[in-house]
Amino acid sequence: MLRWLRGFVLPGVACQKDEDDLRYEILFQDLDSDGDGLVNIVELQEGLKNWGLSSGQNSEE
Protein backbone atom coordinates (compact mmCIF):
# COMPACT_ATOMS: atom_id res chain seq x y z
CA MET A 1 0.00 0.00 0.00
CA LEU A 2 2.76 2.44 0.94
CA ARG A 3 4.61 1.73 -2.30
CA TRP A 4 1.45 2.45 -4.33
CA LEU A 5 0.78 5.65 -2.38
CA ARG A 6 4.37 6.83 -2.81
CA GLY A 7 4.15 6.30 -6.57
CA PHE A 8 0.87 8.16 -6.69
CA VAL A 9 1.88 11.19 -4.61
CA LEU A 10 5.55 11.82 -5.36
CA PRO A 11 5.33 12.44 -9.13
CA GLY A 12 2.87 15.26 -8.45
CA VAL A 13 5.20 16.77 -5.88
CA ALA A 14 8.12 16.58 -8.31
CA CYS A 15 6.05 18.29 -11.00
CA GLN A 16 5.04 21.06 -8.58
CA LYS A 17 8.70 21.59 -7.68
CA ASP A 18 9.61 21.97 -11.36
CA GLU A 19 6.85 24.54 -11.83
CA ASP A 20 7.97 26.45 -8.73
CA ASP A 21 11.59 26.43 -9.93
CA LEU A 22 10.50 27.81 -13.29
CA ARG A 23 8.47 30.58 -11.63
CA TYR A 24 11.44 31.59 -9.46
CA GLU A 25 13.76 31.55 -12.47
CA ILE A 26 11.43 33.84 -14.44
CA LEU A 27 11.03 36.13 -11.42
CA PHE A 28 14.80 36.32 -10.96
CA GLN A 29 15.45 37.03 -14.63
CA ASP A 30 12.86 39.80 -14.53
CA LEU A 31 14.54 41.41 -11.52
CA ASP A 32 18.13 40.98 -12.78
CA SER A 33 17.91 43.82 -15.28
CA ASP A 34 21.65 44.03 -16.01
CA GLY A 35 22.02 40.26 -16.41
CA ASP A 36 24.95 39.89 -14.01
CA GLY A 37 23.35 37.00 -12.11
CA LEU A 38 22.73 39.11 -9.02
CA VAL A 39 19.79 41.22 -7.90
CA ASN A 40 20.96 44.38 -6.15
CA ILE A 41 18.78 46.71 -4.10
CA VAL A 42 18.18 49.10 -7.02
CA GLU A 43 17.03 46.25 -9.28
CA LEU A 44 14.77 44.95 -6.51
CA GLN A 45 13.24 48.38 -5.91
CA GLU A 46 12.71 48.96 -9.64
CA GLY A 47 11.18 45.50 -10.06
CA LEU A 48 8.75 46.08 -7.20
CA LYS A 49 7.86 49.49 -8.60
CA ASN A 50 7.27 48.01 -12.07
CA TRP A 51 4.95 45.41 -10.53
CA GLY A 52 3.05 48.11 -8.65
CA LEU A 53 4.33 47.01 -5.24
CA SER A 54 5.82 49.12 -2.46
CA SER A 55 9.48 48.65 -1.62
CA GLY A 56 9.06 49.78 1.99
CA GLN A 57 10.93 52.80 3.33
CA ASN A 58 10.95 55.89 1.14
CA SER A 59 8.59 54.34 -1.37
CA GLU A 60 6.76 56.73 -3.61
CA GLU A 61 3.00 56.78 -3.34
PDB file of N, CA and C in Angstrom:
ATOM      1  N   MET A   1       0.824  -1.205   0.000  1.00  0.00           N
ATOM      2  CA  MET A   1       0.000   0.000   0.000  1.00  0.00           C
ATOM      3  C   MET A   1       0.863   1.261   0.000  1.00  0.00           C
ATOM      4  N   LEU A   2       1.884   1.281   0.862  1.00  0.00           N
ATOM      5  CA  LEU A   2       2.761   2.444   0.938  1.00  0.00           C
ATOM      6  C   LEU A   2       3.477   2.678  -0.389  1.00  0.00           C
ATOM      7  N   ARG A   3       3.920   1.612  -1.017  1.00  0.00           N
ATOM      8  CA  ARG A   3       4.613   1.733  -2.300  1.00  0.00           C
ATOM      9  C   ARG A   3       3.681   2.340  -3.352  1.00  0.00           C
ATOM     10  N   TRP A   4       2.429   1.910  -3.376  1.00  0.00           N
ATOM     11  CA  TRP A   4       1.452   2.454  -4.328  1.00  0.00           C
ATOM     12  C   TRP A   4       1.203   3.929  -4.047  1.00  0.00           C
ATOM     13  N   LEU A   5       1.037   4.265  -2.771  1.00  0.00           N
ATOM     14  CA  LEU A   5       0.783   5.647  -2.383  1.00  0.00           C
ATOM     15  C   LEU A   5       1.970   6.535  -2.742  1.00  0.00           C
ATOM     16  N   ARG A   6       3.175   6.063  -2.486  1.00  0.00           N
ATOM     17  CA  ARG A   6       4.375   6.828  -2.813  1.00  0.00           C
ATOM     18  C   ARG A   6       4.438   7.102  -4.314  1.00  0.00           C
ATOM     19  N   GLY A   7       4.143   6.110  -5.129  1.00  0.00           N
ATOM     20  CA  GLY A   7       4.153   6.295  -6.573  1.00  0.00           C
ATOM     21  C   GLY A   7       3.063   7.233  -7.053  1.00  0.00           C
ATOM     22  N   PHE A   8       1.980   7.296  -6.323  1.00  0.00           N
ATOM     23  CA  PHE A   8       0.869   8.164  -6.693  1.00  0.00           C
ATOM     24  C   PHE A   8       1.125   9.615  -6.303  1.00  0.00           C
ATOM     25  N   VAL A   9       1.710   9.841  -5.143  1.00  0.00           N
ATOM     26  CA  VAL A   9       1.877  11.191  -4.605  1.00  0.00           C
ATOM     27  C   VAL A   9       3.154  11.862  -5.096  1.00  0.00           C
ATOM     28  N   LEU A  10       4.265  11.183  -5.083  1.00  0.00           N
ATOM     29  CA  LEU A  10       5.552  11.819  -5.364  1.00  0.00           C
ATOM     30  C   LEU A  10       5.686  12.417  -6.759  1.00  0.00           C
ATOM     31  N   PRO A  11       5.203  11.786  -7.826  1.00  0.00           N
ATOM     32  CA  PRO A  11       5.333  12.442  -9.129  1.00  0.00           C
ATOM     33  C   PRO A  11       4.657  13.807  -9.170  1.00  0.00           C
ATOM     34  N   GLY A  12       3.539  13.962  -8.502  1.00  0.00           N
ATOM     35  CA  GLY A  12       2.867  15.258  -8.445  1.00  0.00           C
ATOM     36  C   GLY A  12       3.693  16.287  -7.711  1.00  0.00           C
ATOM     37  N   VAL A  13       4.340  15.870  -6.648  1.00  0.00           N
ATOM     38  CA  VAL A  13       5.196  16.771  -5.882  1.00  0.00           C
ATOM     39  C   VAL A  13       6.387  17.188  -6.730  1.00  0.00           C
ATOM     40  N   ALA A  14       6.976  16.259  -7.454  1.00  0.00           N
ATOM     41  CA  ALA A  14       8.116  16.578  -8.310  1.00  0.00           C
ATOM     42  C   ALA A  14       7.713  17.561  -9.396  1.00  0.00           C
ATOM     43  N   CYS A  15       6.541  17.384  -9.964  1.00  0.00           N
ATOM     44  CA  CYS A  15       6.046  18.287 -11.002  1.00  0.00           C
ATOM     45  C   CYS A  15       5.826  19.680 -10.429  1.00  0.00           C
ATOM     46  N   GLN A  16       5.266  19.771  -9.234  1.00  0.00           N
ATOM     47  CA  GLN A  16       5.035  21.059  -8.584  1.00  0.00           C
ATOM     48  C   GLN A  16       6.363  21.763  -8.339  1.00  0.00           C
ATOM     49  N   LYS A  17       7.388  21.003  -7.923  1.00  0.00           N
ATOM     50  CA  LYS A  17       8.703  21.587  -7.678  1.00  0.00           C
ATOM     51  C   LYS A  17       9.270  22.170  -8.965  1.00  0.00           C
ATOM     52  N   ASP A  18       9.128  21.464 -10.079  1.00  0.00           N
ATOM     53  CA  ASP A  18       9.612  21.967 -11.362  1.00  0.00           C
ATOM     54  C   ASP A  18       8.908  23.265 -11.740  1.00  0.00           C
ATOM     55  N   GLU A  19       7.603  23.326 -11.517  1.00  0.00           N
ATOM     56  CA  GLU A  19       6.845  24.543 -11.826  1.00  0.00           C
ATOM     57  C   GLU A  19       7.286  25.697 -10.934  1.00  0.00           C
ATOM     58  N   ASP A  20       7.505  25.416  -9.653  1.00  0.00           N
ATOM     59  CA  ASP A  20       7.972  26.450  -8.729  1.00  0.00           C
ATOM     60  C   ASP A  20       9.347  26.957  -9.139  1.00  0.00           C
ATOM     61  N   ASP A  21      10.252  26.031  -9.494  1.00  0.00           N
ATOM     62  CA  ASP A  21      11.590  26.431  -9.928  1.00  0.00           C
ATOM     63  C   ASP A  21      11.517  27.331 -11.151  1.00  0.00           C
ATOM     64  N   LEU A  22      10.649  27.003 -12.090  1.00  0.00           N
ATOM     65  CA  LEU A  22      10.499  27.812 -13.292  1.00  0.00           C
ATOM     66  C   LEU A  22       9.973  29.202 -12.952  1.00  0.00           C
ATOM     67  N   ARG A  23       9.008  29.272 -12.047  1.00  0.00           N
ATOM     68  CA  ARG A  23       8.471  30.577 -11.634  1.00  0.00           C
ATOM     69  C   ARG A  23       9.553  31.439 -10.997  1.00  0.00           C
ATOM     70  N   TYR A  24      10.367  30.834 -10.106  1.00  0.00           N
ATOM     71  CA  TYR A  24      11.438  31.585  -9.457  1.00  0.00           C
ATOM     72  C   TYR A  24      12.492  32.029 -10.467  1.00  0.00           C
ATOM     73  N   GLU A  25      12.789  31.191 -11.444  1.00  0.00           N
ATOM     74  CA  GLU A  25      13.764  31.553 -12.468  1.00  0.00           C
ATOM     75  C   GLU A  25      13.274  32.746 -13.288  1.00  0.00           C
ATOM     76  N   ILE A  26      12.010  32.729 -13.678  1.00  0.00           N
ATOM     77  CA  ILE A  26      11.431  33.839 -14.440  1.00  0.00           C
ATOM     78  C   ILE A  26      11.416  35.107 -13.600  1.00  0.00           C
ATOM     79  N   LEU A  27      11.037  34.988 -12.337  1.00  0.00           N
ATOM     80  CA  LEU A  27      11.033  36.125 -11.420  1.00  0.00           C
ATOM     81  C   LEU A  27      12.434  36.710 -11.300  1.00  0.00           C
ATOM     82  N   PHE A  28      13.429  35.862 -11.096  1.00  0.00           N
ATOM     83  CA  PHE A  28      14.804  36.324 -10.955  1.00  0.00           C
ATOM     84  C   PHE A  28      15.281  37.022 -12.223  1.00  0.00           C
ATOM     85  N   GLN A  29      15.021  36.431 -13.370  1.00  0.00           N
ATOM     86  CA  GLN A  29      15.447  37.032 -14.630  1.00  0.00           C
ATOM     87  C   GLN A  29      14.792  38.386 -14.844  1.00  0.00           C
ATOM     88  N   ASP A  30      13.556  38.522 -14.413  1.00  0.00           N
ATOM     89  CA  ASP A  30      12.859  39.797 -14.533  1.00  0.00           C
ATOM     90  C   ASP A  30      13.499  40.854 -13.636  1.00  0.00           C
ATOM     91  N   LEU A  31      13.914  40.467 -12.445  1.00  0.00           N
ATOM     92  CA  LEU A  31      14.539  41.413 -11.523  1.00  0.00           C
ATOM     93  C   LEU A  31      15.975  41.745 -11.913  1.00  0.00           C
ATOM     94  N   ASP A  32      16.715  40.793 -12.438  1.00  0.00           N
ATOM     95  CA  ASP A  32      18.132  40.975 -12.779  1.00  0.00           C
ATOM     96  C   ASP A  32      18.257  41.733 -14.098  1.00  0.00           C
ATOM     97  N   SER A  33      17.998  43.029 -14.047  1.00  0.00           N
ATOM     98  CA  SER A  33      17.906  43.824 -15.278  1.00  0.00           C
ATOM     99  C   SER A  33      19.232  43.962 -16.020  1.00  0.00           C
ATOM    100  N   ASP A  34      20.371  43.907 -15.314  1.00  0.00           N
ATOM    101  CA  ASP A  34      21.649  44.034 -16.012  1.00  0.00           C
ATOM    102  C   ASP A  34      22.258  42.683 -16.386  1.00  0.00           C
ATOM    103  N   GLY A  35      21.599  41.593 -16.004  1.00  0.00           N
ATOM    104  CA  GLY A  35      22.020  40.257 -16.414  1.00  0.00           C
ATOM    105  C   GLY A  35      23.307  39.755 -15.786  1.00  0.00           C
ATOM    106  N   ASP A  36      23.703  40.313 -14.634  1.00  0.00           N
ATOM    107  CA  ASP A  36      24.953  39.890 -14.011  1.00  0.00           C
ATOM    108  C   ASP A  36      24.801  38.687 -13.082  1.00  0.00           C
ATOM    109  N   GLY A  37      23.586  38.152 -12.965  1.00  0.00           N
ATOM    110  CA  GLY A  37      23.354  36.996 -12.111  1.00  0.00           C
ATOM    111  C   GLY A  37      23.104  37.343 -10.658  1.00  0.00           C
ATOM    112  N   LEU A  38      23.003  38.633 -10.371  1.00  0.00           N
ATOM    113  CA  LEU A  38      22.730  39.115  -9.020  1.00  0.00           C
ATOM    114  C   LEU A  38      21.588  40.116  -9.076  1.00  0.00           C
ATOM    115  N   VAL A  39      20.837  40.209  -7.992  1.00  0.00           N
ATOM    116  CA  VAL A  39      19.790  41.225  -7.896  1.00  0.00           C
ATOM    117  C   VAL A  39      20.202  42.175  -6.782  1.00  0.00           C
ATOM    118  N   ASN A  40      20.577  43.401  -7.161  1.00  0.00           N
ATOM    119  CA  ASN A  40      20.958  44.383  -6.146  1.00  0.00           C
ATOM    120  C   ASN A  40      19.723  45.144  -5.675  1.00  0.00           C
ATOM    121  N   ILE A  41      19.912  46.017  -4.706  1.00  0.00           N
ATOM    122  CA  ILE A  41      18.782  46.711  -4.099  1.00  0.00           C
ATOM    123  C   ILE A  41      18.059  47.600  -5.106  1.00  0.00           C
ATOM    124  N   VAL A  42      18.802  48.228  -6.013  1.00  0.00           N
ATOM    125  CA  VAL A  42      18.181  49.097  -7.018  1.00  0.00           C
ATOM    126  C   VAL A  42      17.309  48.268  -7.957  1.00  0.00           C
ATOM    127  N   GLU A  43      17.813  47.121  -8.403  1.00  0.00           N
ATOM    128  CA  GLU A  43      17.027  46.252  -9.280  1.00  0.00           C
ATOM    129  C   GLU A  43      15.775  45.748  -8.564  1.00  0.00           C
ATOM    130  N   LEU A  44      15.919  45.414  -7.283  1.00  0.00           N
ATOM    131  CA  LEU A  44      14.770  44.954  -6.512  1.00  0.00           C
ATOM    132  C   LEU A  44      13.728  46.058  -6.380  1.00  0.00           C
ATOM    133  N   GLN A  45      14.169  47.264  -6.047  1.00  0.00           N
ATOM    134  CA  GLN A  45      13.235  48.385  -5.909  1.00  0.00           C
ATOM    135  C   GLN A  45      12.544  48.695  -7.233  1.00  0.00           C
ATOM    136  N   GLU A  46      13.299  48.700  -8.324  1.00  0.00           N
ATOM    137  CA  GLU A  46      12.712  48.961  -9.644  1.00  0.00           C
ATOM    138  C   GLU A  46      11.723  47.864 -10.028  1.00  0.00           C
ATOM    139  N   GLY A  47      12.083  46.611  -9.750  1.00  0.00           N
ATOM    140  CA  GLY A  47      11.184  45.503 -10.058  1.00  0.00           C
ATOM    141  C   GLY A  47       9.882  45.607  -9.291  1.00  0.00           C
ATOM    142  N   LEU A  48       9.966  45.918  -8.009  1.00  0.00           N
ATOM    143  CA  LEU A  48       8.755  46.078  -7.200  1.00  0.00           C
ATOM    144  C   LEU A  48       7.913  47.234  -7.712  1.00  0.00           C
ATOM    145  N   LYS A  49       8.582  48.328  -8.073  1.00  0.00           N
ATOM    146  CA  LYS A  49       7.859  49.492  -8.601  1.00  0.00           C
ATOM    147  C   LYS A  49       7.166  49.140  -9.919  1.00  0.00           C
ATOM    148  N   ASN A  50       7.853  48.415 -10.784  1.00  0.00           N
ATOM    149  CA  ASN A  50       7.268  48.006 -12.068  1.00  0.00           C
ATOM    150  C   ASN A  50       6.062  47.097 -11.888  1.00  0.00           C
ATOM    151  N   TRP A  51       6.061  46.316 -10.812  1.00  0.00           N
ATOM    152  CA  TRP A  51       4.947  45.411 -10.533  1.00  0.00           C
ATOM    153  C   TRP A  51       3.853  46.091  -9.729  1.00  0.00           C
ATOM    154  N   GLY A  52       4.059  47.371  -9.407  1.00  0.00           N
ATOM    155  CA  GLY A  52       3.051  48.111  -8.652  1.00  0.00           C
ATOM    156  C   GLY A  52       3.055  47.804  -7.167  1.00  0.00           C
ATOM    157  N   LEU A  53       4.204  47.352  -6.656  1.00  0.00           N
ATOM    158  CA  LEU A  53       4.326  47.014  -5.240  1.00  0.00           C
ATOM    159  C   LEU A  53       5.226  48.019  -4.539  1.00  0.00           C
ATOM    160  N   SER A  54       5.005  48.211  -3.262  1.00  0.00           N
ATOM    161  CA  SER A  54       5.815  49.117  -2.459  1.00  0.00           C
ATOM    162  C   SER A  54       7.118  48.438  -2.071  1.00  0.00           C
ATOM    163  N   SER A  55       8.198  49.200  -2.043  1.00  0.00           N
ATOM    164  CA  SER A  55       9.484  48.650  -1.624  1.00  0.00           C
ATOM    165  C   SER A  55       9.808  49.000  -0.182  1.00  0.00           C
ATOM    166  N   GLY A  56       8.844  49.503   0.567  1.00  0.00           N
ATOM    167  CA  GLY A  56       9.064  49.776   1.985  1.00  0.00           C
ATOM    168  C   GLY A  56       9.419  51.223   2.241  1.00  0.00           C
ATOM    169  N   GLN A  57      10.508  51.444   2.973  1.00  0.00           N
ATOM    170  CA  GLN A  57      10.925  52.795   3.332  1.00  0.00           C
ATOM    171  C   GLN A  57      11.145  53.649   2.094  1.00  0.00           C
ATOM    172  N   ASN A  58      10.752  54.898   2.206  1.00  0.00           N
ATOM    173  CA  ASN A  58      10.948  55.892   1.144  1.00  0.00           C
ATOM    174  C   ASN A  58      10.283  55.520  -0.171  1.00  0.00           C
ATOM    175  N   SER A  59       9.275  54.693  -0.126  1.00  0.00           N
ATOM    176  CA  SER A  59       8.586  54.337  -1.368  1.00  0.00           C
ATOM    177  C   SER A  59       7.674  55.479  -1.789  1.00  0.00           C
ATOM    178  N   GLU A  60       7.605  55.668  -3.071  1.00  0.00           N
ATOM    179  CA  GLU A  60       6.758  56.734  -3.609  1.00  0.00           C
ATOM    180  C   GLU A  60       5.316  56.255  -3.636  1.00  0.00           C
ATOM    181  N   GLU A  61       4.411  57.155  -3.324  1.00  0.00           N
ATOM    182  CA  GLU A  61       2.995  56.781  -3.338  1.00  0.00           C
ATOM    183  C   GLU A  61       2.297  57.435  -4.494  1.00  0.00           C
TER     184      GLU A  61
END
